[in-house]
Amino acid sequence: MSERANASVIPFKVEDEPEDEMAEQGFIENPAERLQLSEAVRMAEAIIFASAEPVSERQLAARLPEGVQIAAAMADLQEIYAKRGVNLVRVGDAWAFRTAGDLAFLMSRDSVQQRKLSRAALEVLAIIAYHQPVTRAEIEDIRGVETSKGTLDMLLETEWVRMRGRRRTPGRPVTYGTTDAFLDHFALEEIRDLPGMEELKGAGLLSTRMPSNFSMPVPPADPDALAEDEDALTDIDLEELGLLTPRVTEE
């Protein structure tokens, strides 16, 4: 080949994308790893589809092959279902399939008519959601009125509220908090997605003439973590609260 022909060939080099950027985008270059991830996505789909309750990432990690990138697998599966009639949604640290929001009206005929919560129950639920962990006495202090045991029992029956611990104060009162079922029902990914002051005002749930010193409580980043002044419920506590069958000791 002549020198002139060689001169006409312009070398073209494709610069590799930085590895850190590929990692951020969830790109897997190794075909074997990509195949493993695709199979993990199928397996995760089957596990979540067959479960009546949201499946936590810890449960997925225990059932999927070792070394699978759970976050990458769930991102792929979520993208697959993004434009379908059923979406993959995050509920706390768990995942579940739910009817697409814009198609919820199709399910209205088949939905079970639920008992409406009283105004008192809604107020207590809101206080627990924003102030958790909170005791019954603290709920009453915020509301300014006594809270009946029946109201708390009703919220516990809905499984939106749970007894989470005991406050390290005289009498060791029970503390209450919300559950993943609460997040699931109200389509919240985490408790910090609760509406803020401006959103509540816009929805007409707060007066536009609030005191200047009024502020909204900030929900905890991790509602499952115990507070500094809170102890976890023990089996003895559960027995006292009627949540655990008393153990029979043999003589």
C-alpha atoms as a PDB file:
ATOM      1  CA  MET A   1       0.000   0.000   0.000  1.00  0.00           C
ATOM      2  CA  SER A   2       1.332   3.474  -0.886  1.00  0.00           C
ATOM      3  CA  GLU A   3       2.254   6.139   1.625  1.00  0.00           C
ATOM      4  CA  ARG A   4      -0.560   8.297   0.194  1.00  0.00           C
ATOM      5  CA  ALA A   5      -3.101   5.562   0.847  1.00  0.00           C
ATOM      6  CA  ASN A   6      -1.812   5.217   4.375  1.00  0.00           C
ATOM      7  CA  ALA A   7      -2.121   8.953   4.879  1.00  0.00           C
ATOM      8  CA  SER A   8      -5.781   8.851   3.916  1.00  0.00           C
ATOM      9  CA  VAL A   9      -6.601   6.501   6.760  1.00  0.00           C
ATOM     10  CA  ILE A  10      -7.622   8.600   9.770  1.00  0.00           C
ATOM     11  CA  PRO A  11      -7.330   6.666  13.002  1.00  0.00           C
ATOM     12  CA  PHE A  12     -10.478   6.937  15.176  1.00  0.00           C
ATOM     13  CA  LYS A  13     -10.322   6.088  18.861  1.00  0.00           C
ATOM     14  CA  VAL A  14     -13.421   5.586  20.982  1.00  0.00           C
ATOM     15  CA  GLU A  15     -12.638   6.645  24.501  1.00  0.00           C
ATOM     16  CA  ASP A  16     -13.913   4.278  27.119  1.00  0.00           C
ATOM     17  CA  GLU A  17     -16.553   5.600  29.440  1.00  0.00           C
ATOM     18  CA  PRO A  18     -15.106   6.041  32.951  1.00  0.00           C
ATOM     19  CA  GLU A  19     -15.751   3.022  35.142  1.00  0.00           C
ATOM     20  CA  ASP A  20     -17.273   5.116  37.912  1.00  0.00           C
ATOM     21  CA  GLU A  21     -19.829   6.588  35.492  1.00  0.00           C
ATOM     22  CA  MET A  22     -20.713   3.140  34.191  1.00  0.00           C
ATOM     23  CA  ALA A  23     -21.191   1.975  37.758  1.00  0.00           C
ATOM     24  CA  GLU A  24     -23.473   4.915  38.528  1.00  0.00           C
ATOM     25  CA  GLN A  25     -25.584   4.105  35.474  1.00  0.00           C
ATOM     26  CA  GLY A  26     -25.814   0.440  36.489  1.00  0.00           C
ATOM     27  CA  PHE A  27     -23.989  -0.633  33.303  1.00  0.00           C
ATOM     28  CA  ILE A  28     -22.475  -4.104  33.427  1.00  0.00           C
ATOM     29  CA  GLU A  29     -19.907  -4.752  30.720  1.00  0.00           C
ATOM     30  CA  ASN A  30     -19.205  -8.417  31.461  1.00  0.00           C
ATOM     31  CA  PRO A  31     -21.705 -10.548  29.455  1.00  0.00           C
ATOM     32  CA  ALA A  32     -21.669 -13.245  32.148  1.00  0.00           C
ATOM     33  CA  GLU A  33     -22.526 -10.714  34.851  1.00  0.00           C
ATOM     34  CA  ARG A  34     -25.236  -9.231  32.648  1.00  0.00           C
ATOM     35  CA  LEU A  35     -26.731 -12.687  32.114  1.00  0.00           C
ATOM     36  CA  GLN A  36     -26.623 -13.355  35.852  1.00  0.00           C
ATOM     37  CA  LEU A  37     -28.399 -10.052  36.522  1.00  0.00           C
ATOM     38  CA  SER A  38     -31.099 -10.810  33.929  1.00  0.00           C
ATOM     39  CA  GLU A  39     -31.778 -14.160  35.562  1.00  0.00           C
ATOM     40  CA  ALA A  40     -31.849 -12.490  38.994  1.00  0.00           C
ATOM     41  CA  VAL A  41     -34.447 -10.020  37.690  1.00  0.00           C
ATOM     42  CA  ARG A  42     -36.670 -12.918  36.589  1.00  0.00           C
ATOM     43  CA  MET A  43     -36.251 -14.623  39.952  1.00  0.00           C
ATOM     44  CA  ALA A  44     -37.030 -11.422  41.879  1.00  0.00           C
ATOM     45  CA  GLU A  45     -40.117 -10.923  39.709  1.00  0.00           C
ATOM     46  CA  ALA A  46     -41.371 -14.410  40.594  1.00  0.00           C
ATOM     47  CA  ILE A  47     -40.695 -13.943  44.323  1.00  0.00           C
ATOM     48  CA  ILE A  48     -42.481 -10.589  44.564  1.00  0.00           C
ATOM     49  CA  PHE A  49     -45.381 -11.713  42.363  1.00  0.00           C
ATOM     50  CA  ALA A  50     -46.031 -14.768  44.560  1.00  0.00           C
ATOM     51  CA  SER A  51     -45.873 -12.836  47.831  1.00  0.00           C
ATOM     52  CA  ALA A  52     -49.015 -11.402  49.436  1.00  0.00           C
ATOM     53  CA  GLU A  53     -46.874  -8.891  51.323  1.00  0.00           C
ATOM     54  CA  PRO A  54     -44.122  -6.517  50.162  1.00  0.00           C
ATOM     55  CA  VAL A  55     -40.783  -8.332  49.964  1.00  0.00           C
ATOM     56  CA  SER A  56     -37.825  -6.731  51.711  1.00  0.00           C
ATOM     57  CA  GLU A  57     -34.420  -6.412  50.090  1.00  0.00           C
ATOM     58  CA  ARG A  58     -33.027  -8.581  52.879  1.00  0.00           C
ATOM     59  CA  GLN A  59     -35.460 -11.368  51.915  1.00  0.00           C
ATOM     60  CA  LEU A  60     -34.502 -10.998  48.265  1.00  0.00           C
ATOM     61  CA  ALA A  61     -30.799 -11.150  49.071  1.00  0.00           C
ATOM     62  CA  ALA A  62     -31.378 -14.372  51.036  1.00  0.00           C
ATOM     63  CA  ARG A  63     -33.184 -16.059  48.125  1.00  0.00           C
ATOM     64  CA  LEU A  64     -31.312 -14.750  45.099  1.00  0.00           C
ATOM     65  CA  PRO A  65     -27.887 -16.109  44.032  1.00  0.00           C
ATOM     66  CA  GLU A  66     -24.964 -14.875  46.091  1.00  0.00           C
ATOM     67  CA  GLY A  67     -23.269 -11.773  44.711  1.00  0.00           C
ATOM     68  CA  VAL A  68     -26.324 -10.427  42.865  1.00  0.00           C
ATOM     69  CA  GLN A  69     -26.575  -6.628  42.899  1.00  0.00           C
ATOM     70  CA  ILE A  70     -30.033  -6.242  44.442  1.00  0.00           C
ATOM     71  CA  ALA A  71     -30.260  -2.520  43.697  1.00  0.00           C
ATOM     72  CA  ALA A  72     -29.386  -3.043  40.021  1.00  0.00           C
ATOM     73  CA  ALA A  73     -31.819  -5.948  39.677  1.00  0.00           C
ATOM     74  CA  MET A  74     -34.696  -3.982  41.208  1.00  0.00           C
ATOM     75  CA  ALA A  75     -33.910  -0.935  39.059  1.00  0.00           C
ATOM     76  CA  ASP A  76     -34.123  -3.120  35.942  1.00  0.00           C
ATOM     77  CA  LEU A  77     -37.372  -4.747  37.064  1.00  0.00           C
ATOM     78  CA  GLN A  78     -38.889  -1.391  37.993  1.00  0.00           C
ATOM     79  CA  GLU A  79     -38.048  -0.025  34.542  1.00  0.00           C
ATOM     80  CA  ILE A  80     -39.630  -3.060  32.860  1.00  0.00           C
ATOM     81  CA  TYR A  81     -42.931  -2.435  34.657  1.00  0.00           C
ATOM     82  CA  ALA A  82     -42.814   1.382  34.505  1.00  0.00           C
ATOM     83  CA  LYS A  83     -45.301   1.687  31.602  1.00  0.00           C
ATOM     84  CA  ARG A  84     -47.416  -1.373  32.317  1.00  0.00           C
ATOM     85  CA  GLY A  85     -50.778  -1.712  34.033  1.00  0.00           C
ATOM     86  CA  VAL A  86     -48.951  -3.037  37.076  1.00  0.00           C
ATOM     87  CA  ASN A  87     -45.988  -1.141  38.518  1.00  0.00           C
ATOM     88  CA  LEU A  88     -43.203  -2.229  40.837  1.00  0.00           C
ATOM     89  CA  VAL A  89     -43.187   0.144  43.793  1.00  0.00           C
ATOM     90  CA  ARG A  90     -40.947   0.540  46.806  1.00  0.00           C
ATOM     91  CA  VAL A  91     -42.579   0.298  50.239  1.00  0.00           C
ATOM     92  CA  GLY A  92     -40.060   1.277  52.894  1.00  0.00           C
ATOM     93  CA  ASP A  93     -37.198  -1.171  52.353  1.00  0.00           C
ATOM     94  CA  ALA A  94     -39.466  -3.629  50.533  1.00  0.00           C
ATOM     95  CA  TRP A  95     -40.919  -4.065  47.034  1.00  0.00           C
ATOM     96  CA  ALA A  96     -44.403  -4.930  45.756  1.00  0.00           C
ATOM     97  CA  PHE A  97     -46.462  -4.960  42.572  1.00  0.00           C
ATOM     98  CA  ARG A  98     -49.324  -2.475  42.551  1.00  0.00           C
ATOM     99  CA  THR A  99     -51.920  -1.344  40.013  1.00  0.00           C
ATOM    100  CA  ALA A 100     -50.699   1.695  38.059  1.00  0.00           C
ATOM    101  CA  GLY A 101     -52.012   4.856  39.667  1.00  0.00           C
ATOM    102  CA  ASP A 102     -53.876   6.058  36.589  1.00  0.00           C
ATOM    103  CA  LEU A 103     -55.761   2.731  36.380  1.00  0.00           C
ATOM    104  CA  ALA A 104     -56.885   2.554  40.008  1.00  0.00           C
ATOM    105  CA  PHE A 105     -60.451   3.491  38.988  1.00  0.00           C
ATOM    106  CA  LEU A 106     -60.787   0.104  37.275  1.00  0.00           C
ATOM    107  CA  MET A 107     -60.459  -1.645  40.626  1.00  0.00           C
ATOM    108  CA  SER A 108     -63.108   0.446  42.419  1.00  0.00           C
ATOM    109  CA  ARG A 109     -65.941  -1.999  41.738  1.00  0.00           C
ATOM    110  CA  ASP A 110     -64.085  -4.930  43.246  1.00  0.00           C
ATOM    111  CA  SER A 111     -62.606  -3.099  46.202  1.00  0.00           C
ATOM    112  CA  VAL A 112     -63.843  -4.021  49.646  1.00  0.00           C
ATOM    113  CA  GLN A 113     -65.713  -1.224  51.370  1.00  0.00           C
ATOM    114  CA  GLN A 114     -63.578  -0.318  54.352  1.00  0.00           C
ATOM    115  CA  ARG A 115     -64.879   1.156  57.564  1.00  0.00           C
ATOM    116  CA  LYS A 116     -64.246   4.885  57.635  1.00  0.00           C
ATOM    117  CA  LEU A 117     -62.011   6.156  60.400  1.00  0.00           C
ATOM    118  CA  SER A 118     -63.480   8.646  62.830  1.00  0.00           C
ATOM    119  CA  ARG A 119     -62.117  12.172  63.023  1.00  0.00           C
ATOM    120  CA  ALA A 120     -60.442  11.262  66.316  1.00  0.00           C
ATOM    121  CA  ALA A 121     -58.765   8.216  64.736  1.00  0.00           C
ATOM    122  CA  LEU A 122     -57.512  10.295  61.805  1.00  0.00           C
ATOM    123  CA  GLU A 123     -56.081  12.888  64.183  1.00  0.00           C
ATOM    124  CA  VAL A 124     -54.327  10.214  66.242  1.00  0.00           C
ATOM    125  CA  LEU A 125     -53.003   8.527  63.089  1.00  0.00           C
ATOM    126  CA  ALA A 126     -51.584  11.832  61.826  1.00  0.00           C
ATOM    127  CA  ILE A 127     -49.931  12.549  65.187  1.00  0.00           C
ATOM    128  CA  ILE A 128     -48.351   9.098  65.297  1.00  0.00           C
ATOM    129  CA  ALA A 129     -47.123   9.413  61.703  1.00  0.00           C
ATOM    130  CA  TYR A 130     -45.444  12.793  62.217  1.00  0.00           C
ATOM    131  CA  HIS A 131     -44.326  12.488  65.864  1.00  0.00           C
ATOM    132  CA  GLN A 132     -43.328   8.807  66.159  1.00  0.00           C
ATOM    133  CA  PRO A 133     -42.244   7.351  68.462  1.00  0.00           C
ATOM    134  CA  VAL A 134     -45.037   8.810  70.595  1.00  0.00           C
ATOM    135  CA  THR A 135     -46.893   7.683  73.728  1.00  0.00           C
ATOM    136  CA  ARG A 136     -50.610   7.905  74.438  1.00  0.00           C
ATOM    137  CA  ALA A 137     -50.001  10.704  76.951  1.00  0.00           C
ATOM    138  CA  GLU A 138     -48.019  12.649  74.336  1.00  0.00           C
ATOM    139  CA  ILE A 139     -50.823  12.149  71.796  1.00  0.00           C
ATOM    140  CA  GLU A 140     -53.328  13.524  74.293  1.00  0.00           C
ATOM    141  CA  ASP A 141     -51.053  16.476  75.064  1.00  0.00           C
ATOM    142  CA  ILE A 142     -50.858  17.353  71.347  1.00  0.00           C
ATOM    143  CA  ARG A 143     -54.607  16.922  70.728  1.00  0.00           C
ATOM    144  CA  GLY A 144     -55.626  18.607  73.967  1.00  0.00           C
ATOM    145  CA  VAL A 145     -58.212  15.914  74.691  1.00  0.00           C
ATOM    146  CA  GLU A 146     -58.229  12.399  76.092  1.00  0.00           C
ATOM    147  CA  THR A 147     -57.675   9.586  73.605  1.00  0.00           C
ATOM    148  CA  SER A 148     -59.790   6.485  74.145  1.00  0.00           C
ATOM    149  CA  LYS A 149     -58.235   3.027  74.119  1.00  0.00           C
ATOM    150  CA  GLY A 150     -60.783   2.079  71.452  1.00  0.00           C
ATOM    151  CA  THR A 151     -59.319   4.630  69.024  1.00  0.00           C
ATOM    152  CA  LEU A 152     -55.815   3.199  69.379  1.00  0.00           C
ATOM    153  CA  ASP A 153     -57.172  -0.360  69.186  1.00  0.00           C
ATOM    154  CA  MET A 154     -58.909   0.491  65.899  1.00  0.00           C
ATOM    155  CA  LEU A 155     -55.674   1.831  64.414  1.00  0.00           C
ATOM    156  CA  LEU A 156     -53.795  -1.251  65.589  1.00  0.00           C
ATOM    157  CA  GLU A 157     -56.426  -3.428  63.881  1.00  0.00           C
ATOM    158  CA  THR A 158     -55.858  -1.656  60.573  1.00  0.00           C
ATOM    159  CA  GLU A 159     -52.174  -2.611  60.953  1.00  0.00           C
ATOM    160  CA  TRP A 160     -51.194   0.956  60.065  1.00  0.00           C
ATOM    161  CA  VAL A 161     -49.962   1.511  63.622  1.00  0.00           C
ATOM    162  CA  ARG A 162     -47.896  -0.719  65.876  1.00  0.00           C
ATOM    163  CA  MET A 163     -46.603  -0.801  69.433  1.00  0.00           C
ATOM    164  CA  ARG A 164     -42.885  -0.291  68.935  1.00  0.00           C
ATOM    165  CA  GLY A 165     -41.282   0.069  72.384  1.00  0.00           C
ATOM    166  CA  ARG A 166     -41.415   1.571  75.868  1.00  0.00           C
ATOM    167  CA  ARG A 167     -40.325   5.044  76.901  1.00  0.00           C
ATOM    168  CA  ARG A 168     -37.621   5.200  79.591  1.00  0.00           C
ATOM    169  CA  THR A 169     -39.776   7.279  81.902  1.00  0.00           C
ATOM    170  CA  PRO A 170     -41.757   6.422  85.058  1.00  0.00           C
ATOM    171  CA  GLY A 171     -44.416   3.870  84.213  1.00  0.00           C
ATOM    172  CA  ARG A 172     -42.550   2.893  81.015  1.00  0.00           C
ATOM    173  CA  PRO A 173     -45.414   3.909  78.692  1.00  0.00           C
ATOM    174  CA  VAL A 174     -45.778   2.152  75.320  1.00  0.00           C
ATOM    175  CA  THR A 175     -44.616   4.053  72.238  1.00  0.00           C
ATOM    176  CA  TYR A 176     -46.472   3.909  68.924  1.00  0.00           C
ATOM    177  CA  GLY A 177     -45.284   4.180  65.321  1.00  0.00           C
ATOM    178  CA  THR A 178     -46.460   3.476  61.784  1.00  0.00           C
ATOM    179  CA  THR A 179     -45.917   0.306  59.742  1.00  0.00           C
ATOM    180  CA  ASP A 180     -45.006  -0.592  56.172  1.00  0.00           C
ATOM    181  CA  ALA A 181     -48.733  -1.291  55.655  1.00  0.00           C
ATOM    182  CA  PHE A 182     -49.322   2.423  56.371  1.00  0.00           C
ATOM    183  CA  LEU A 183     -46.762   3.398  53.727  1.00  0.00           C
ATOM    184  CA  ASP A 184     -48.268   0.929  51.270  1.00  0.00           C
ATOM    185  CA  HIS A 185     -51.844   2.153  51.751  1.00  0.00           C
ATOM    186  CA  PHE A 186     -50.940   5.815  51.349  1.00  0.00           C
ATOM    187  CA  ALA A 187     -48.496   5.153  48.465  1.00  0.00           C
ATOM    188  CA  LEU A 188     -45.452   6.443  50.362  1.00  0.00           C
ATOM    189  CA  GLU A 189     -41.964   5.105  49.672  1.00  0.00           C
ATOM    190  CA  GLU A 190     -40.753   6.199  53.108  1.00  0.00           C
ATOM    191  CA  ILE A 191     -42.131   8.096  56.080  1.00  0.00           C
ATOM    192  CA  ARG A 192     -40.248  11.260  55.072  1.00  0.00           C
ATOM    193  CA  ASP A 193     -42.511  11.446  51.989  1.00  0.00           C
ATOM    194  CA  LEU A 194     -45.372  12.638  54.197  1.00  0.00           C
ATOM    195  CA  PRO A 195     -46.718  15.992  52.946  1.00  0.00           C
ATOM    196  CA  GLY A 196     -45.142  19.131  54.374  1.00  0.00           C
ATOM    197  CA  MET A 197     -46.768  22.315  55.606  1.00  0.00           C
ATOM    198  CA  GLU A 198     -47.233  23.935  52.191  1.00  0.00           C
ATOM    199  CA  GLU A 199     -48.729  20.759  50.718  1.00  0.00           C
ATOM    200  CA  LEU A 200     -51.172  20.466  53.622  1.00  0.00           C
ATOM    201  CA  LYS A 201     -52.173  24.112  53.246  1.00  0.00           C
ATOM    202  CA  GLY A 202     -52.698  23.631  49.522  1.00  0.00           C
ATOM    203  CA  ALA A 203     -54.972  20.656  50.209  1.00  0.00           C
ATOM    204  CA  GLY A 204     -56.993  22.710  52.693  1.00  0.00           C
ATOM    205  CA  LEU A 205     -55.915  20.575  55.644  1.00  0.00           C
ATOM    206  CA  LEU A 206     -54.121  23.433  57.398  1.00  0.00           C
ATOM    207  CA  SER A 207     -55.270  26.995  57.878  1.00  0.00           C
ATOM    208  CA  THR A 208     -53.384  29.572  55.841  1.00  0.00           C
ATOM    209  CA  ARG A 209     -53.326  31.742  58.970  1.00  0.00           C
ATOM    210  CA  MET A 210     -51.043  29.616  61.103  1.00  0.00           C
ATOM    211  CA  PRO A 211     -49.130  31.174  64.040  1.00  0.00           C
ATOM    212  CA  SER A 212     -45.716  32.491  62.995  1.00  0.00           C
ATOM    213  CA  ASN A 213     -43.963  30.116  65.407  1.00  0.00           C
ATOM    214  CA  PHE A 214     -45.804  27.045  64.115  1.00  0.00           C
ATOM    215  CA  SER A 215     -43.598  24.357  62.585  1.00  0.00           C
ATOM    216  CA  MET A 216     -44.228  20.873  61.220  1.00  0.00           C
ATOM    217  CA  PRO A 217     -42.511  17.978  63.009  1.00  0.00           C
ATOM    218  CA  VAL A 218     -39.891  16.191  60.924  1.00  0.00           C
ATOM    219  CA  PRO A 219     -40.564  12.426  60.656  1.00  0.00           C
ATOM    220  CA  PRO A 220     -37.587  10.215  61.581  1.00  0.00           C
ATOM    221  CA  ALA A 221     -35.244   9.112  58.814  1.00  0.00           C
ATOM    222  CA  ASP A 222     -35.464   5.529  60.055  1.00  0.00           C
ATOM    223  CA  PRO A 223     -38.808   4.934  61.808  1.00  0.00           C
ATOM    224  CA  ASP A 224     -37.744   1.408  62.811  1.00  0.00           C
ATOM    225  CA  ALA A 225     -34.712   2.573  64.772  1.00  0.00           C
ATOM    226  CA  LEU A 226     -35.253   2.933  68.522  1.00  0.00           C
ATOM    227  CA  ALA A 227     -34.969   6.421  69.990  1.00  0.00           C
ATOM    228  CA  GLU A 228     -32.367   7.181  72.672  1.00  0.00           C
ATOM    229  CA  ASP A 229     -35.044   7.147  75.390  1.00  0.00           C
ATOM    230  CA  GLU A 230     -36.835   4.061  74.073  1.00  0.00           C
ATOM    231  CA  ASP A 231     -36.447   0.351  74.831  1.00  0.00           C
ATOM    232  CA  ALA A 232     -37.531  -2.496  72.567  1.00  0.00           C
ATOM    233  CA  LEU A 233     -40.520  -4.584  73.622  1.00  0.00           C
ATOM    234  CA  THR A 234     -39.537  -7.812  75.370  1.00  0.00           C
ATOM    235  CA  ASP A 235     -41.539 -11.051  75.600  1.00  0.00           C
ATOM    236  CA  ILE A 236     -42.589 -10.007  79.114  1.00  0.00           C
ATOM    237  CA  ASP A 237     -43.854  -6.688  77.743  1.00  0.00           C
ATOM    238  CA  LEU A 238     -45.770  -8.491  74.998  1.00  0.00           C
ATOM    239  CA  GLU A 239     -47.385 -10.781  77.593  1.00  0.00           C
ATOM    240  CA  GLU A 240     -48.420  -7.782  79.709  1.00  0.00           C
ATOM    241  CA  LEU A 241     -49.909  -6.068  76.646  1.00  0.00           C
ATOM    242  CA  GLY A 242     -51.802  -9.207  75.634  1.00  0.00           C
ATOM    243  CA  LEU A 243     -49.802  -9.621  72.432  1.00  0.00           C
ATOM    244  CA  LEU A 244     -48.160 -12.892  73.428  1.00  0.00           C
ATOM    245  CA  THR A 245     -49.673 -15.968  75.046  1.00  0.00           C
ATOM    246  CA  PRO A 246     -48.276 -16.321  78.588  1.00  0.00           C
ATOM    247  CA  ARG A 247     -45.826 -19.151  78.980  1.00  0.00           C
ATOM    248  CA  VAL A 248     -46.950 -22.021  81.183  1.00  0.00           C
ATOM    249  CA  THR A 249     -44.264 -23.126  83.597  1.00  0.00           C
ATOM    250  CA  GLU A 250     -44.219 -26.739  84.691  1.00  0.00           C
ATOM    251  CA  GLU A 251     -44.049 -27.404  88.407  1.00  0.00           C
END
